[in-house]
Protein backbone atom coordinates (compact mmCIF):
# COMPACT_ATOMS: atom_id res chain seq x y z
CA MET A 1 51.16 -76.05 25.72
CA SER A 2 47.70 -77.47 26.29
CA ALA A 3 46.76 -78.81 29.71
CA PRO A 4 47.25 -82.53 30.20
CA ALA A 5 44.21 -84.78 29.90
CA PRO A 6 42.66 -85.47 33.29
CA SER A 7 43.73 -88.68 34.96
CA PRO A 8 40.96 -91.24 35.05
CA LEU A 9 39.38 -91.61 38.46
CA ALA A 10 39.23 -94.99 40.16
CA ILE A 11 36.30 -96.27 42.21
CA VAL A 12 37.70 -97.91 45.34
CA ASP A 13 36.24 -99.92 48.24
CA ALA A 14 32.70 -99.61 46.92
CA GLU A 15 30.23 -102.37 46.17
CA PRO A 16 28.73 -101.91 42.68
CA LEU A 17 25.26 -100.39 42.77
CA PRO A 18 22.35 -100.93 40.43
CA ARG A 19 22.41 -98.29 37.66
CA GLN A 20 25.63 -96.64 38.89
CA GLU A 21 26.96 -96.86 35.32
CA GLU A 22 24.28 -94.31 34.33
CA VAL A 23 25.87 -91.79 36.71
CA LEU A 24 29.55 -92.78 36.52
CA THR A 25 29.92 -92.55 32.74
CA ASP A 26 33.38 -92.02 31.25
CA ALA A 27 32.45 -88.48 30.26
CA ALA A 28 31.05 -87.62 33.70
CA LEU A 29 34.10 -89.02 35.46
CA ALA A 30 36.41 -87.12 33.10
CA PHE A 31 34.53 -83.93 34.01
CA VAL A 32 34.83 -84.60 37.75
CA ALA A 33 38.53 -85.46 37.28
CA GLU A 34 39.10 -82.12 35.56
CA LEU A 35 37.29 -80.27 38.37
CA HIS A 36 39.54 -82.11 40.82
CA ARG A 37 42.73 -81.29 38.88
CA ARG A 38 41.88 -77.62 38.52
CA PHE A 39 40.32 -76.78 41.86
CA THR A 40 41.38 -79.20 44.62
CA PRO A 41 44.80 -77.53 45.15
CA ARG A 42 43.08 -74.22 45.84
CA ARG A 43 40.54 -75.99 48.06
CA ASP A 44 43.45 -77.37 50.08
CA GLU A 45 44.97 -73.90 50.48
CA LEU A 46 41.66 -72.50 51.69
CA LEU A 47 41.24 -75.28 54.26
CA ALA A 48 44.71 -74.43 55.59
CA ARG A 49 43.65 -70.78 55.73
CA ARG A 50 40.70 -71.77 57.95
CA GLY A 51 43.16 -73.12 60.49
CA GLU A 52 45.22 -69.94 60.40
CA ARG A 53 42.16 -67.80 60.93
CA ARG A 54 40.98 -69.97 63.82
CA ALA A 55 44.38 -69.51 65.46
CA GLU A 56 44.07 -65.74 65.05
CA ILE A 57 40.62 -65.78 66.70
CA ALA A 58 42.11 -67.82 69.55
CA ARG A 59 44.68 -65.06 70.08
CA THR A 60 42.27 -62.11 69.86
CA SER A 61 38.81 -63.44 70.85
CA THR A 62 37.24 -61.07 68.35
CA LEU A 63 36.20 -60.62 64.73
CA ASP A 64 35.59 -57.57 62.58
CA PHE A 65 34.50 -56.65 59.09
CA LEU A 66 37.48 -56.95 56.76
CA PRO A 67 39.43 -53.72 56.07
CA GLU A 68 40.82 -55.14 52.81
CA THR A 69 37.32 -55.46 51.31
CA ALA A 70 35.89 -52.16 52.57
CA ALA A 71 35.63 -50.86 48.98
CA VAL A 72 33.29 -53.71 48.01
CA ARG A 73 30.98 -52.88 50.91
CA ALA A 74 31.12 -49.15 50.22
CA ASP A 75 30.32 -49.46 46.49
CA ASP A 76 26.55 -49.09 46.23
CA SER A 77 26.47 -49.68 42.48
CA TRP A 78 26.75 -53.46 42.18
CA ARG A 79 23.94 -56.00 42.35
CA VAL A 80 23.71 -59.75 41.92
CA ALA A 81 22.28 -61.02 38.63
CA PRO A 82 18.49 -60.81 38.28
CA SER A 83 16.69 -63.87 39.58
CA PRO A 84 15.54 -66.46 37.04
CA GLU A 85 11.77 -66.97 37.00
CA ALA A 86 12.01 -70.43 38.58
CA LEU A 87 13.80 -68.99 41.63
CA ASN A 88 11.98 -65.68 42.00
CA ASP A 89 9.36 -66.93 44.48
CA ARG A 90 10.98 -68.92 47.27
CA ARG A 91 8.53 -68.25 50.08
CA VAL A 92 8.62 -71.83 51.40
CA GLU A 93 11.44 -74.32 50.93
CA ILE A 94 11.41 -77.92 52.12
CA THR A 95 14.66 -79.71 52.93
CA GLY A 96 15.62 -83.35 52.89
CA PRO A 97 17.86 -86.11 51.54
CA THR A 98 17.64 -87.47 48.00
CA ASP A 99 16.29 -90.95 48.74
CA ARG A 100 13.54 -92.04 46.36
CA LYS A 101 10.53 -91.52 48.62
CA MET A 102 11.73 -88.11 49.83
CA THR A 103 12.45 -87.01 46.28
CA ILE A 104 8.82 -87.59 45.28
CA ASN A 105 7.30 -86.23 48.50
CA ALA A 106 9.44 -83.09 48.50
CA LEU A 107 8.70 -82.30 44.87
CA ASN A 108 4.99 -82.84 45.55
CA SER A 109 4.95 -80.99 48.90
CA GLY A 110 3.53 -77.67 47.71
CA ALA A 111 6.75 -75.89 48.67
CA LYS A 112 8.24 -73.54 46.09
CA VAL A 113 11.73 -75.05 46.46
CA TRP A 114 13.17 -78.38 47.55
CA LEU A 115 16.69 -78.34 48.99
CA ALA A 116 17.88 -81.73 47.69
CA ASP A 117 20.53 -82.55 50.23
CA PHE A 118 23.80 -84.42 49.75
CA GLU A 119 25.18 -82.69 52.85
CA ASP A 120 24.00 -82.58 56.47
CA ALA A 121 20.75 -84.52 55.91
CA SER A 122 22.55 -87.33 54.10
CA ALA A 123 25.16 -89.70 55.51
CA PRO A 124 27.70 -90.01 52.64
CA THR A 125 27.55 -93.73 51.97
CA TRP A 126 28.36 -94.65 48.38
CA GLU A 127 24.74 -95.73 47.97
CA ASN A 128 23.40 -92.36 49.14
CA VAL A 129 25.87 -90.43 46.99
CA ILE A 130 25.22 -92.33 43.74
CA LEU A 131 21.59 -93.38 44.04
CA GLY A 132 20.70 -89.84 45.09
CA GLN A 133 22.00 -88.74 41.68
CA VAL A 134 19.95 -91.51 40.00
CA ASN A 135 16.81 -90.34 41.80
CA LEU A 136 17.24 -86.74 40.65
CA ILE A 137 17.81 -87.81 37.05
CA ASP A 138 14.68 -89.97 37.24
CA ALA A 139 12.70 -87.06 38.69
CA TYR A 140 13.65 -84.78 35.81
CA THR A 141 12.79 -87.46 33.23
CA ARG A 142 9.57 -88.25 35.14
CA SER A 143 10.57 -91.91 35.37
CA ILE A 144 10.49 -91.98 39.18
CA ASP A 145 8.04 -93.85 41.35
CA PHE A 146 8.19 -95.58 44.72
CA THR A 147 6.20 -98.21 46.61
CA ASP A 148 6.70 -98.58 50.34
CA GLU A 149 7.23 -102.28 51.00
CA ARG A 150 6.00 -101.93 54.58
CA THR A 151 2.72 -100.13 53.88
CA GLY A 152 2.16 -100.91 50.22
CA LYS A 153 1.59 -97.20 49.54
CA SER A 154 2.71 -95.95 46.12
CA TYR A 155 4.17 -92.53 45.34
CA ALA A 156 4.30 -90.72 41.98
CA LEU A 157 4.97 -87.18 40.79
CA LYS A 158 2.25 -84.57 40.38
CA ALA A 159 1.94 -82.48 37.22
CA PRO A 160 5.15 -80.58 36.29
CA GLU A 161 3.72 -77.16 37.14
CA GLU A 162 2.95 -78.34 40.69
CA LEU A 163 6.48 -79.49 41.50
CA ALA A 164 9.00 -77.63 43.64
CA THR A 165 12.11 -76.15 42.03
CA VAL A 166 15.19 -78.14 43.05
CA VAL A 167 18.18 -76.48 44.69
CA THR A 168 20.86 -79.11 45.34
CA ARG A 169 23.25 -78.92 48.28
CA PRO A 170 26.66 -80.61 47.74
CA ARG A 171 28.94 -81.47 50.62
CA GLY A 172 31.13 -78.80 52.21
CA TRP A 173 34.71 -78.13 51.13
CA HIS A 174 36.19 -80.03 54.08
CA LEU A 175 34.78 -83.49 53.19
CA ASP A 176 36.42 -85.91 50.74
CA GLU A 177 34.81 -88.75 48.80
CA ARG A 178 36.97 -91.72 49.70
CA HIS A 179 35.44 -93.98 47.04
CA LEU A 180 36.62 -91.81 44.13
CA VAL A 181 40.37 -91.27 43.86
CA ASP A 182 42.82 -89.99 41.27
CA ALA A 183 45.90 -91.78 39.89
CA ASP A 184 47.89 -90.79 43.01
CA GLY A 185 45.24 -92.24 45.31
CA THR A 186 44.09 -88.78 46.41
CA PRO A 187 40.34 -88.64 47.08
CA VAL A 188 38.22 -86.12 45.21
CA PRO A 189 36.51 -83.50 47.41
CA GLY A 190 32.91 -84.54 48.06
CA ALA A 191 31.76 -81.07 46.98
CA LEU A 192 33.19 -81.57 43.50
CA VAL A 193 31.76 -85.09 43.22
CA ASP A 194 28.23 -84.00 44.21
CA PHE A 195 28.32 -80.82 42.13
CA GLY A 196 30.09 -82.38 39.16
CA LEU A 197 27.88 -85.43 38.69
CA TYR A 198 24.68 -83.45 39.18
CA PHE A 199 25.71 -80.59 36.92
CA PHE A 200 27.09 -82.81 34.15
CA HIS A 201 23.96 -84.93 33.88
CA ASN A 202 21.28 -82.34 34.55
CA ALA A 203 22.33 -78.82 33.54
CA GLN A 204 20.95 -78.97 30.00
CA ARG A 205 18.01 -81.11 31.07
CA LEU A 206 17.01 -78.47 33.64
CA ILE A 207 17.35 -75.66 31.10
CA ASP A 208 15.01 -77.59 28.81
CA LEU A 209 12.51 -77.76 31.69
CA GLY A 210 12.60 -73.97 32.08
CA LYS A 211 14.76 -74.11 35.20
CA GLY A 212 18.50 -74.49 35.74
CA PRO A 213 21.27 -75.97 37.85
CA TYR A 214 20.73 -74.30 41.20
CA PHE A 215 22.82 -74.93 44.32
CA TYR A 216 23.02 -74.29 48.04
CA LEU A 217 26.63 -73.84 49.19
CA PRO A 218 27.24 -75.03 52.78
CA LYS A 219 29.87 -74.36 55.44
CA THR A 220 31.41 -71.39 53.59
CA GLU A 221 33.84 -69.57 55.86
CA SER A 222 35.11 -66.73 53.66
CA TYR A 223 34.60 -64.78 50.45
CA LEU A 224 37.65 -66.54 49.04
CA GLU A 225 35.80 -69.85 49.33
CA ALA A 226 32.87 -68.28 47.48
CA ARG A 227 35.35 -67.09 44.81
CA LEU A 228 36.50 -70.68 44.33
CA TRP A 229 32.92 -71.83 43.80
CA ASN A 230 32.47 -69.05 41.25
CA GLU A 231 35.52 -70.28 39.34
CA VAL A 232 34.06 -73.81 39.40
CA PHE A 233 30.78 -72.50 37.97
CA VAL A 234 32.50 -70.53 35.19
CA PHE A 235 34.55 -73.54 34.10
CA ALA A 236 31.60 -75.95 34.33
CA GLN A 237 29.30 -73.80 32.21
CA ASP A 238 31.95 -73.41 29.52
CA HIS A 239 32.71 -77.13 29.61
CA VAL A 240 29.15 -78.23 28.85
CA GLY A 241 28.40 -75.27 26.61
CA ILE A 242 25.67 -73.42 28.48
CA PRO A 243 25.52 -69.63 28.99
CA GLN A 244 27.48 -68.04 31.81
CA GLY A 245 25.12 -67.13 34.63
CA THR A 246 22.88 -70.16 34.17
CA VAL A 247 24.06 -71.54 37.52
CA ARG A 248 22.56 -69.92 40.60
CA ALA A 249 23.93 -70.35 44.11
CA THR A 250 22.46 -69.58 47.52
CA VAL A 251 25.09 -69.46 50.25
CA LEU A 252 24.33 -70.63 53.77
CA ILE A 253 25.68 -68.09 56.22
CA GLU A 254 26.20 -70.74 58.87
CA THR A 255 29.66 -69.84 60.09
CA ILE A 256 30.50 -66.86 62.26
CA THR A 257 33.34 -65.78 59.95
CA ALA A 258 31.03 -65.71 56.91
CA ALA A 259 28.64 -63.45 58.82
CA TYR A 260 31.31 -60.74 58.61
CA GLU A 261 31.70 -61.24 54.84
CA MET A 262 28.14 -61.45 53.51
CA GLU A 263 28.50 -58.64 50.99
CA GLU A 264 31.86 -59.93 49.80
CA ILE A 265 30.43 -63.44 49.33
CA LEU A 266 27.60 -62.05 47.21
CA TYR A 267 30.09 -59.93 45.27
CA GLU A 268 32.31 -62.89 44.41
CA LEU A 269 29.29 -64.85 43.16
CA ARG A 270 27.40 -61.87 41.78
CA ASP A 271 26.84 -63.34 38.28
CA HIS A 272 25.67 -66.61 39.88
CA ALA A 273 24.26 -65.50 43.24
CA SER A 274 20.65 -66.07 44.20
CA GLY A 275 20.69 -65.29 47.90
CA LEU A 276 21.86 -66.04 51.43
CA ASN A 277 20.32 -68.29 54.06
CA ALA A 278 20.30 -67.87 57.85
CA GLY A 279 20.81 -71.20 59.60
CA ARG A 280 20.96 -71.80 63.34
CA TRP A 281 22.67 -74.99 64.55
CA ASP A 282 25.78 -74.82 62.36
CA TYR A 283 26.06 -71.10 63.10
CA LEU A 284 26.06 -71.77 66.85
CA PHE A 285 28.48 -74.66 66.37
CA SER A 286 30.79 -72.28 64.49
CA ILE A 287 30.69 -69.76 67.34
CA VAL A 288 31.65 -72.45 69.86
CA LYS A 289 34.38 -73.81 67.57
CA ASN A 290 35.97 -70.46 66.82
CA PHE A 291 35.67 -68.88 70.28
CA ARG A 292 36.28 -71.96 72.40
CA ASP A 293 39.29 -70.25 73.97
CA GLY A 294 37.40 -67.04 74.63
CA GLY A 295 36.24 -67.66 78.18
CA ARG A 296 32.86 -67.54 79.88
CA LYS A 297 31.42 -64.70 77.80
CA PHE A 298 31.22 -67.05 74.81
CA VAL A 299 29.53 -69.92 76.69
CA LEU A 300 26.17 -70.69 75.08
CA PRO A 301 23.14 -71.81 77.07
CA ASP A 302 21.07 -74.86 76.06
CA ARG A 303 20.67 -74.97 72.30
CA ASN A 304 16.88 -74.66 72.48
CA ALA A 305 17.26 -71.49 74.54
CA VAL A 306 19.17 -69.83 71.69
CA THR A 307 16.32 -68.82 69.42
CA MET A 308 16.53 -66.41 66.52
CA THR A 309 15.29 -63.67 68.86
CA ALA A 310 18.48 -63.82 70.97
CA PRO A 311 20.17 -60.41 70.52
CA PHE A 312 23.29 -61.73 68.76
CA MET A 313 21.19 -64.00 66.51
CA ARG A 314 18.82 -61.15 65.72
CA ALA A 315 21.77 -58.98 64.74
CA TYR A 316 22.89 -61.72 62.33
CA THR A 317 19.48 -62.21 60.70
CA GLU A 318 18.73 -58.49 60.43
CA LEU A 319 22.13 -57.88 58.82
CA LEU A 320 21.51 -60.75 56.41
CA VAL A 321 18.17 -59.34 55.21
CA ARG A 322 19.59 -55.85 54.80
CA THR A 323 22.66 -57.15 52.94
CA CYS A 324 20.67 -59.35 50.58
CA HIS A 325 18.11 -56.72 49.67
CA LYS A 326 20.73 -54.02 49.22
CA ARG A 327 22.31 -56.25 46.56
CA GLY A 328 19.13 -57.63 44.96
CA ALA A 329 19.43 -61.11 46.46
CA HIS A 330 16.92 -63.33 48.26
CA ALA A 331 17.09 -63.60 52.04
CA ILE A 332 16.02 -67.07 53.14
CA GLY A 333 15.19 -67.78 56.76
CA GLY A 334 15.80 -70.72 59.06
CA MET A 335 14.42 -74.18 59.67
CA ALA A 336 11.15 -75.27 61.25
CA ALA A 337 12.34 -78.71 62.30
CA PHE A 338 9.21 -79.98 64.08
CA ILE A 339 7.96 -83.41 62.96
CA PRO A 340 4.20 -83.75 63.58
CA SER A 341 3.07 -86.55 65.84
CA ARG A 342 0.50 -89.00 64.50
CA ARG A 343 -0.57 -89.76 68.09
CA ASP A 344 -0.54 -86.53 70.08
CA GLU A 345 -2.60 -83.67 68.70
CA GLU A 346 -1.83 -81.49 71.72
CA VAL A 347 1.90 -81.69 70.97
CA ASN A 348 1.15 -80.72 67.38
CA LYS A 349 -1.05 -77.80 68.38
CA VAL A 350 1.62 -76.24 70.60
CA ALA A 351 4.37 -76.85 68.05
CA PHE A 352 2.35 -75.51 65.11
CA GLU A 353 1.74 -72.28 67.04
CA LYS A 354 5.50 -71.92 67.61
CA VAL A 355 6.21 -72.58 63.92
CA LYS A 356 3.62 -69.97 62.92
CA ALA A 357 5.09 -67.38 65.28
CA ASP A 358 8.59 -68.05 63.93
CA LYS A 359 7.52 -67.78 60.29
CA ASP A 360 5.41 -64.69 61.00
CA ARG A 361 8.51 -63.08 62.52
CA GLU A 362 10.69 -63.96 59.52
CA ALA A 363 8.15 -62.68 56.99
CA GLY A 364 7.69 -59.52 59.05
CA ASP A 365 11.45 -58.98 59.24
CA GLY A 366 11.76 -58.96 55.45
CA PHE A 367 12.84 -62.51 54.63
CA ASP A 368 11.73 -63.69 51.21
CA GLY A 369 11.26 -67.30 52.26
CA SER A 370 12.00 -69.90 54.88
CA TRP A 371 12.68 -73.60 55.48
CA VAL A 372 10.56 -76.46 56.79
CA ALA A 373 11.53 -80.09 57.38
CA HIS A 374 8.12 -81.75 56.91
CA PRO A 375 5.34 -81.41 54.30
CA ASP A 376 2.73 -80.78 57.03
CA LEU A 377 4.53 -77.52 57.86
CA VAL A 378 4.39 -76.18 54.30
CA PRO A 379 0.87 -74.70 54.64
CA ILE A 380 1.74 -73.04 57.95
CA ALA A 381 4.85 -71.34 56.58
CA MET A 382 3.05 -70.53 53.32
CA ALA A 383 0.28 -68.72 55.20
CA SER A 384 2.80 -66.60 57.10
CA PHE A 385 4.54 -65.46 53.93
CA ASP A 386 1.34 -65.12 51.91
CA ALA A 387 0.04 -62.70 54.55
CA VAL A 388 3.04 -60.41 53.99
CA LEU A 389 3.87 -60.98 50.32
CA GLY A 390 0.41 -61.36 48.83
CA ASP A 391 0.90 -61.76 45.08
CA ARG A 392 4.47 -60.46 45.13
CA PRO A 393 7.14 -63.14 44.61
CA ASN A 394 9.45 -61.64 47.25
CA GLN A 395 10.03 -58.44 49.22
CA LYS A 396 13.47 -57.41 48.04
CA GLU A 397 12.24 -53.82 47.87
CA ARG A 398 12.30 -53.76 51.70
CA LEU A 399 15.82 -52.47 52.11
CA ARG A 400 15.85 -52.42 55.93
CA GLU A 401 18.13 -49.38 55.87
CA GLU A 402 17.33 -48.73 59.53
CA VAL A 403 19.31 -51.84 60.49
CA ASP A 404 22.71 -50.91 61.92
CA VAL A 405 24.70 -53.91 63.11
CA LYS A 406 28.14 -53.36 64.61
CA ALA A 407 30.89 -55.99 64.49
CA ALA A 408 30.62 -56.61 68.24
CA ASP A 409 26.87 -57.28 68.04
CA LEU A 410 27.40 -60.51 66.11
CA ILE A 411 29.47 -62.09 68.88
CA ALA A 412 27.71 -60.61 71.90
CA VAL A 413 26.82 -64.11 73.14
CA ASP A 414 26.62 -62.87 76.72
CA SER A 415 23.75 -60.54 75.75
CA LEU A 416 21.43 -63.55 76.03
CA ASP A 417 19.93 -63.89 79.50
CA ALA A 418 20.08 -67.69 79.79
CA SER A 419 22.45 -70.25 81.25
CA PRO A 420 23.35 -73.87 80.55
CA THR A 421 21.27 -76.41 82.46
CA TYR A 422 21.73 -80.00 83.58
CA ASP A 423 18.74 -80.97 81.42
CA GLY A 424 20.44 -79.30 78.49
CA LEU A 425 23.51 -81.46 79.01
CA VAL A 426 21.34 -84.58 79.16
CA ASN A 427 19.58 -83.57 75.94
CA ALA A 428 22.88 -82.94 74.18
CA VAL A 429 24.07 -86.43 75.10
CA GLN A 430 20.77 -88.05 74.14
CA VAL A 431 20.48 -86.35 70.76
CA GLY A 432 24.19 -86.84 70.03
CA ILE A 433 24.11 -90.60 70.61
CA ARG A 434 20.80 -91.16 68.82
CA TYR A 435 21.77 -89.10 65.80
CA ILE A 436 25.27 -90.53 65.40
CA GLU A 437 23.91 -94.09 65.63
CA ALA A 438 21.53 -93.42 62.76
CA TRP A 439 24.24 -91.65 60.75
CA LEU A 440 26.55 -94.65 61.10
CA ARG A 441 23.73 -96.75 59.58
CA GLY A 442 23.53 -94.38 56.61
CA LEU A 443 20.68 -92.09 57.73
CA GLY A 444 21.38 -88.36 57.72
CA ALA A 445 17.92 -86.94 58.53
CA VAL A 446 16.52 -88.44 61.73
CA ALA A 447 13.39 -87.67 63.77
CA ILE A 448 14.40 -87.46 67.45
CA PHE A 449 11.96 -86.23 70.12
CA ASN A 450 9.64 -84.83 67.40
CA LEU A 451 12.39 -82.78 65.74
CA MET A 452 14.11 -83.49 62.43
CA GLU A 453 17.78 -83.61 63.28
CA ASP A 454 20.76 -83.60 60.92
CA ALA A 455 24.54 -83.48 61.25
CA ALA A 456 24.44 -79.85 62.42
CA THR A 457 22.45 -80.99 65.44
CA ALA A 458 25.12 -83.49 66.43
CA GLU A 459 27.79 -80.79 65.96
CA ILE A 460 26.11 -78.33 68.32
CA SER A 461 25.36 -81.14 70.82
CA ARG A 462 28.97 -82.36 71.09
CA SER A 463 30.29 -78.79 70.96
CA GLN A 464 28.16 -77.70 73.90
CA ILE A 465 29.26 -80.69 75.97
CA TRP A 466 32.88 -79.79 75.15
CA GLN A 467 32.40 -76.10 75.85
CA TRP A 468 30.57 -76.51 79.15
CA ILE A 469 33.17 -78.95 80.50
CA ASN A 470 36.12 -76.81 79.41
CA ALA A 471 34.51 -73.66 80.83
CA GLY A 472 33.82 -75.36 84.16
CA VAL A 473 30.08 -74.63 83.98
CA GLU A 474 28.04 -75.45 87.08
CA PHE A 475 24.38 -76.51 86.94
CA GLU A 476 21.63 -76.51 89.52
CA HIS A 477 20.32 -80.07 89.70
CA ALA A 478 18.16 -81.78 92.33
CA GLY A 479 18.74 -78.91 94.74
CA GLU A 480 22.51 -78.85 94.51
CA SER A 481 25.29 -77.51 92.32
CA VAL A 482 26.76 -79.96 89.82
CA LYS A 483 29.87 -79.18 87.78
CA ALA A 484 30.18 -80.18 84.10
CA THR A 485 32.98 -82.73 83.98
CA PRO A 486 34.04 -85.58 81.69
CA GLU A 487 32.92 -87.98 84.42
CA LEU A 488 29.42 -86.45 84.47
CA ALA A 489 29.16 -86.68 80.68
CA ARG A 490 30.23 -90.33 80.78
CA GLU A 491 27.72 -91.07 83.53
CA ILE A 492 24.86 -89.48 81.55
CA ALA A 493 25.95 -91.27 78.36
CA ALA A 494 26.05 -94.66 80.11
CA ARG A 495 22.57 -94.06 81.52
CA GLU A 496 21.28 -93.06 78.07
CA LEU A 497 22.70 -96.21 76.52
CA ALA A 498 20.94 -98.32 79.16
CA ASP A 499 17.69 -96.41 78.61
CA ILE A 500 17.87 -96.98 74.85
CA ARG A 501 18.48 -100.70 75.39
CA ALA A 502 15.38 -100.89 77.62
CA GLU A 503 13.36 -98.76 75.20
CA ILE A 504 14.01 -100.72 71.99
CA GLY A 505 14.82 -104.20 73.31
CA GLU A 506 17.92 -106.38 73.19
CA GLU A 507 17.49 -107.54 69.60
CA ALA A 508 17.14 -104.06 68.10
CA PHE A 509 19.93 -102.74 70.33
CA ALA A 510 22.31 -105.47 69.19
CA ALA A 511 21.42 -104.81 65.54
CA GLY A 512 22.22 -101.10 65.87
CA ARG A 513 25.46 -99.13 66.24
CA TRP A 514 24.71 -97.84 69.72
CA GLN A 515 27.97 -98.53 71.56
CA GLN A 516 29.93 -97.17 68.61
CA ALA A 517 27.84 -93.99 68.58
CA HIS A 518 28.22 -93.60 72.34
CA ASP A 519 32.00 -93.96 72.08
CA LEU A 520 32.31 -91.57 69.14
CA LEU A 521 30.21 -88.88 70.82
CA LEU A 522 32.35 -89.04 73.95
CA THR A 523 35.53 -88.94 71.86
CA VAL A 524 34.59 -85.74 70.01
CA ALA A 525 32.96 -84.18 73.10
CA LEU A 526 35.74 -84.91 75.59
CA ASP A 527 39.01 -84.90 73.62
CA GLU A 528 41.24 -81.97 74.47
CA ASP A 529 42.03 -81.71 70.75
CA TYR A 530 38.70 -80.43 69.40
CA ALA A 531 37.88 -82.05 66.04
CA ASP A 532 37.01 -79.45 63.39
CA PHE A 533 34.03 -81.52 62.22
CA LEU A 534 32.41 -84.52 63.85
CA THR A 535 31.77 -85.97 60.39
CA LEU A 536 35.50 -86.39 59.73
CA PRO A 537 36.13 -89.10 62.36
CA ALA A 538 32.59 -90.40 61.83
CA TYR A 539 33.25 -90.90 58.09
CA GLU A 540 36.15 -93.21 58.97
CA GLN A 541 33.63 -95.44 60.77
CA LEU A 542 30.87 -95.22 58.15
CA THR A 543 30.46 -98.45 56.21
CA GLY A 544 29.29 -98.41 52.62
């Protein structure tokens, strides 16, 4: 018996948007509905499995490479599919949301790749979800332009050969799209909405442009989740009639559990795999989340003290490069999040030197590329990789066989000689409130204290507040010892709210979502029941 026709999806609680009918066609919605029917049940099982695994970590306070997949790791014969030409040179990648101005600037930035983000750099308002799709379609048809109403400056695309290759990042498996529901009222996973609409409208168009539908896969926690994505890709390619293997996926290794399954993740996606990426904030957030019952040895110091040179972070990045190159995949490094100041050249000089040192280290370690958050950083990162790569598109031939990372090395948090500080707690509160306020207004990428922050920043901020309080951390402050307590966090948060009010003025303060952001940060930072993702309760408060 043939499968039943997919139930039509209903759009609920969403104001109609200009041109949304170009994205939400009957055929596109039928495709997304079929993705939902086929794959959401398995998604639900895998989310439940995350909870089971977290409970196991709580019991054991350890992780290891999986015995059941030892044969995959031991088999030296398999490789991921050869890289398509458009993704072979990835030495600099710029990241950012899919608003109209960013779309043009990122494509024109000089970077080899643009990570077009529907995930952490984009608050999932209906407008951002749908108009982001419109902007990408317009970019591929070269019908995109933008004029800044404030400055009068106009933006247009450069010649096709000068544009970055787009790699789109859909939302993670855990997030639903509340505005798109099936006949039972069940929301479609945001991942399937973002992937499905983009793939349906652009797969053939991208092939015609000499590229393809390329994706970054976020928040993956296991090889079984990668297997589900592979099944989605196989079905999608058959559905629209393009060759198997046209899709390429780069997986962010930004959870501690995925760090133990890198080879297995590549294996599951091997016909569609492009590479792995080493993030920082979500990775640290994942360590706190998974080992929050593990005692003082898992307490992280201030987030800015945990650089990629910390021993347990270095173990993770070295293992990632070795794993990728062993299997013929790209290894993509982390983010340079600095936002240049238009007023303080000294700040820029110091920051640019740090960015250069970071990118020099990544290129020297064997990474094939790296991320930046601002176009002004593209030349700096490009110079670091040019110095190592020269005319070569990548350095996959550097197998890094001398790297030998043991399971315990990846969670040796106490190998870092640094402690939490009072100033670190203040910064976590400041960044948390300021980011969440912007997110609640629909902004996912926000410049705060000269750094481009996204949802991962808020996650590590609230997680560190939670961890330090629950671990009973004591700080040295003003010549005395101060204990991390809920009362201290509330006191700092109240002071920050007053400082923001004084900084921006009563009118701007009243027009913002500051009290709401303050309250939400304290809820997710102080609740005994630790929320799996800040964005879940935040989404309930997001309007639009």
